[in-house]
Amino acid sequence: MILTIDTHDPRAIYQQVADGIKELIARGVLKEGVGLPPVRQLAADLGVNLNTIATAYRELQKEGLITVKHGSGAVIASSTSAERSQVELLRPLRAALTELVLAGLPSNEILDVVARELRTVTKGSK
């Protein structure tokens, strides 16, 4: 599993880890039933505190993307975010679009950025 931590990223490290795993799931790199590295191992690999990874895993579990069984580890869940409402799923997209508009980007540039990012996220997915 390839995850990187960006020390210049304003997001918390646990959020970077959770977002990275979400992207790997979206791209089809991590499929249903695949086990995630143990918390201690991933923490050591990334050079972060194991509580940081545990928090990321809890976040992903809360969102229904992974299941965690103490002693057995974490696996990609059989159900996906599809169970969440469309309103809930679109909330972060709306916030990101608002930021782009406030930054002064014209609509056609925003659409290009969204299309490019969508291609990146879905690259290799089913």
C-alpha atoms as a PDB file:
ATOM      1  CA  MET A   1       0.000   0.000   0.000  1.00  0.00           C
ATOM      2  CA  ILE A   2       1.459   3.337  -1.034  1.00  0.00           C
ATOM      3  CA  LEU A   3       0.678   6.241   1.276  1.00  0.00           C
ATOM      4  CA  THR A   4       2.688   9.375   1.810  1.00  0.00           C
ATOM      5  CA  ILE A   5       2.527  12.070   4.431  1.00  0.00           C
ATOM      6  CA  ASP A   6       2.984  15.683   3.352  1.00  0.00           C
ATOM      7  CA  THR A   7       4.295  17.810   6.211  1.00  0.00           C
ATOM      8  CA  HIS A   8       3.172  20.940   4.341  1.00  0.00           C
ATOM      9  CA  ASP A   9      -0.405  19.694   3.990  1.00  0.00           C
ATOM     10  CA  PRO A  10      -2.719  21.597   6.353  1.00  0.00           C
ATOM     11  CA  ARG A  11      -4.770  18.449   6.999  1.00  0.00           C
ATOM     12  CA  ALA A  12      -4.041  16.425  10.106  1.00  0.00           C
ATOM     13  CA  ILE A  13      -1.844  13.385   9.496  1.00  0.00           C
ATOM     14  CA  TYR A  14      -4.653  10.964  10.411  1.00  0.00           C
ATOM     15  CA  GLN A  15      -6.837  12.695   7.799  1.00  0.00           C
ATOM     16  CA  GLN A  16      -4.112  12.378   5.158  1.00  0.00           C
ATOM     17  CA  VAL A  17      -3.895   8.646   5.924  1.00  0.00           C
ATOM     18  CA  ALA A  18      -7.678   8.200   5.825  1.00  0.00           C
ATOM     19  CA  ASP A  19      -7.962  10.200   2.592  1.00  0.00           C
ATOM     20  CA  GLY A  20      -5.121   8.199   1.037  1.00  0.00           C
ATOM     21  CA  ILE A  21      -6.833   4.911   1.859  1.00  0.00           C
ATOM     22  CA  LYS A  22     -10.139   6.261   0.509  1.00  0.00           C
ATOM     23  CA  GLU A  23      -8.420   7.145  -2.762  1.00  0.00           C
ATOM     24  CA  LEU A  24      -6.888   3.658  -3.010  1.00  0.00           C
ATOM     25  CA  ILE A  25     -10.351   2.167  -2.477  1.00  0.00           C
ATOM     26  CA  ALA A  26     -11.896   4.500  -5.082  1.00  0.00           C
ATOM     27  CA  ARG A  27      -9.186   3.606  -7.613  1.00  0.00           C
ATOM     28  CA  GLY A  28      -9.752  -0.104  -7.065  1.00  0.00           C
ATOM     29  CA  VAL A  29      -6.265  -0.662  -5.653  1.00  0.00           C
ATOM     30  CA  LEU A  30      -7.793  -1.802  -2.361  1.00  0.00           C
ATOM     31  CA  LYS A  31     -10.719  -4.106  -3.000  1.00  0.00           C
ATOM     32  CA  GLU A  32     -13.402  -5.595  -0.763  1.00  0.00           C
ATOM     33  CA  GLY A  33     -11.993  -8.071   1.736  1.00  0.00           C
ATOM     34  CA  VAL A  34      -8.379  -6.922   1.395  1.00  0.00           C
ATOM     35  CA  GLY A  35      -6.635  -6.543   4.719  1.00  0.00           C
ATOM     36  CA  LEU A  36      -4.975  -3.306   5.725  1.00  0.00           C
ATOM     37  CA  PRO A  37      -1.579  -3.300   7.429  1.00  0.00           C
ATOM     38  CA  PRO A  38      -1.673  -3.540  11.210  1.00  0.00           C
ATOM     39  CA  VAL A  39      -1.723  -0.170  12.967  1.00  0.00           C
ATOM     40  CA  ARG A  40       1.788  -0.619  14.370  1.00  0.00           C
ATOM     41  CA  GLN A  41       3.241  -1.603  11.006  1.00  0.00           C
ATOM     42  CA  LEU A  42       1.674   1.279   9.071  1.00  0.00           C
ATOM     43  CA  ALA A  43       2.693   3.735  11.791  1.00  0.00           C
ATOM     44  CA  ALA A  44       6.284   2.480  11.600  1.00  0.00           C
ATOM     45  CA  ASP A  45       6.270   2.548   7.772  1.00  0.00           C
ATOM     46  CA  LEU A  46       5.034   6.160   7.727  1.00  0.00           C
ATOM     47  CA  GLY A  47       7.058   7.274  10.743  1.00  0.00           C
ATOM     48  CA  VAL A  48       4.037   8.453  12.705  1.00  0.00           C
ATOM     49  CA  ASN A  49       2.503   7.695  16.085  1.00  0.00           C
ATOM     50  CA  LEU A  50       0.387   4.535  16.140  1.00  0.00           C
ATOM     51  CA  ASN A  51      -2.507   6.520  17.647  1.00  0.00           C
ATOM     52  CA  THR A  52      -2.545   8.557  14.430  1.00  0.00           C
ATOM     53  CA  ILE A  53      -3.127   5.425  12.344  1.00  0.00           C
ATOM     54  CA  ALA A  54      -5.669   4.110  14.846  1.00  0.00           C
ATOM     55  CA  THR A  55      -7.589   7.387  14.511  1.00  0.00           C
ATOM     56  CA  ALA A  56      -7.514   7.122  10.701  1.00  0.00           C
ATOM     57  CA  TYR A  57      -8.806   3.546  10.879  1.00  0.00           C
ATOM     58  CA  ARG A  58     -11.590   4.584  13.291  1.00  0.00           C
ATOM     59  CA  GLU A  59     -12.594   7.372  10.877  1.00  0.00           C
ATOM     60  CA  LEU A  60     -12.740   4.901   7.980  1.00  0.00           C
ATOM     61  CA  GLN A  61     -14.700   2.431  10.090  1.00  0.00           C
ATOM     62  CA  LYS A  62     -17.174   5.140  11.096  1.00  0.00           C
ATOM     63  CA  GLU A  63     -17.698   5.885   7.392  1.00  0.00           C
ATOM     64  CA  GLY A  64     -18.303   2.196   6.703  1.00  0.00           C
ATOM     65  CA  LEU A  65     -15.297   1.798   4.432  1.00  0.00           C
ATOM     66  CA  ILE A  66     -13.432  -0.694   6.598  1.00  0.00           C
ATOM     67  CA  THR A  67     -14.295  -3.150   9.319  1.00  0.00           C
ATOM     68  CA  VAL A  68     -11.981  -3.525  12.286  1.00  0.00           C
ATOM     69  CA  LYS A  69     -11.888  -6.629  14.432  1.00  0.00           C
ATOM     70  CA  HIS A  70      -9.536  -6.404  17.360  1.00  0.00           C
ATOM     71  CA  GLY A  71      -6.931  -9.103  16.998  1.00  0.00           C
ATOM     72  CA  SER A  72      -7.823  -9.760  13.345  1.00  0.00           C
ATOM     73  CA  GLY A  73      -7.040  -6.364  11.874  1.00  0.00           C
ATOM     74  CA  ALA A  74      -8.814  -4.080   9.448  1.00  0.00           C
ATOM     75  CA  VAL A  75     -10.268  -5.087   6.072  1.00  0.00           C
ATOM     76  CA  ILE A  76     -11.976  -3.192   3.277  1.00  0.00           C
ATOM     77  CA  ALA A  77     -15.704  -3.418   3.938  1.00  0.00           C
ATOM     78  CA  SER A  78     -18.143  -5.109   1.599  1.00  0.00           C
ATOM     79  CA  SER A  79     -20.406  -2.096   1.615  1.00  0.00           C
ATOM     80  CA  THR A  80     -19.188   1.250   0.379  1.00  0.00           C
ATOM     81  CA  SER A  81     -20.119   4.877   0.832  1.00  0.00           C
ATOM     82  CA  ALA A  82     -23.162   4.231  -1.380  1.00  0.00           C
ATOM     83  CA  GLU A  83     -25.159   3.758   1.805  1.00  0.00           C
ATOM     84  CA  ARG A  84     -24.548   7.387   2.738  1.00  0.00           C
ATOM     85  CA  SER A  85     -27.013   9.927   1.434  1.00  0.00           C
ATOM     86  CA  GLN A  86     -26.193  11.907  -1.676  1.00  0.00           C
ATOM     87  CA  VAL A  87     -26.496  15.141   0.312  1.00  0.00           C
ATOM     88  CA  GLU A  88     -23.902  13.878   2.795  1.00  0.00           C
ATOM     89  CA  LEU A  89     -21.579  12.740   0.005  1.00  0.00           C
ATOM     90  CA  LEU A  90     -21.819  16.027  -1.892  1.00  0.00           C
ATOM     91  CA  ARG A  91     -21.083  18.239   1.128  1.00  0.00           C
ATOM     92  CA  PRO A  92     -17.259  18.123   0.788  1.00  0.00           C
ATOM     93  CA  LEU A  93     -17.496  18.599  -2.984  1.00  0.00           C
ATOM     94  CA  ARG A  94     -19.612  21.704  -2.509  1.00  0.00           C
ATOM     95  CA  ALA A  95     -17.101  23.056   0.022  1.00  0.00           C
ATOM     96  CA  ALA A  96     -14.214  22.439  -2.389  1.00  0.00           C
ATOM     97  CA  LEU A  97     -16.076  24.075  -5.276  1.00  0.00           C
ATOM     98  CA  THR A  98     -16.857  27.064  -3.068  1.00  0.00           C
ATOM     99  CA  GLU A  99     -13.140  27.434  -2.280  1.00  0.00           C
ATOM    100  CA  LEU A 100     -12.281  27.353  -5.991  1.00  0.00           C
ATOM    101  CA  VAL A 101     -14.902  29.995  -6.772  1.00  0.00           C
ATOM    102  CA  LEU A 102     -13.681  32.183  -3.899  1.00  0.00           C
ATOM    103  CA  ALA A 103     -10.129  31.805  -5.223  1.00  0.00           C
ATOM    104  CA  GLY A 104     -11.332  33.439  -8.431  1.00  0.00           C
ATOM    105  CA  LEU A 105     -11.138  30.490 -10.807  1.00  0.00           C
ATOM    106  CA  PRO A 106     -13.555  30.740 -13.731  1.00  0.00           C
ATOM    107  CA  SER A 107     -16.209  28.043 -14.091  1.00  0.00           C
ATOM    108  CA  ASN A 108     -14.591  26.441 -17.150  1.00  0.00           C
ATOM    109  CA  GLU A 109     -11.280  26.058 -15.276  1.00  0.00           C
ATOM    110  CA  ILE A 110     -13.085  24.566 -12.287  1.00  0.00           C
ATOM    111  CA  LEU A 111     -14.802  22.052 -14.564  1.00  0.00           C
ATOM    112  CA  ASP A 112     -11.431  21.139 -16.106  1.00  0.00           C
ATOM    113  CA  VAL A 113      -9.909  20.650 -12.647  1.00  0.00           C
ATOM    114  CA  VAL A 114     -12.849  18.501 -11.505  1.00  0.00           C
ATOM    115  CA  ALA A 115     -12.726  16.368 -14.664  1.00  0.00           C
ATOM    116  CA  ARG A 116      -8.952  15.890 -14.340  1.00  0.00           C
ATOM    117  CA  GLU A 117      -9.208  14.915 -10.663  1.00  0.00           C
ATOM    118  CA  LEU A 118     -12.078  12.535 -11.395  1.00  0.00           C
ATOM    119  CA  ARG A 119      -9.949  10.805 -14.036  1.00  0.00           C
ATOM    120  CA  THR A 120      -7.106  10.518 -11.509  1.00  0.00           C
ATOM    121  CA  VAL A 121      -9.324   9.119  -8.774  1.00  0.00           C
ATOM    122  CA  THR A 122     -11.082   6.600 -11.017  1.00  0.00           C
ATOM    123  CA  LYS A 123      -7.938   5.534 -12.872  1.00  0.00           C
ATOM    124  CA  GLY A 124      -7.713   1.780 -12.605  1.00  0.00           C
ATOM    125  CA  SER A 125     -11.118   1.364 -10.948  1.00  0.00           C
ATOM    126  CA  LYS A 126     -13.719  -1.003 -12.317  1.00  0.00           C
END
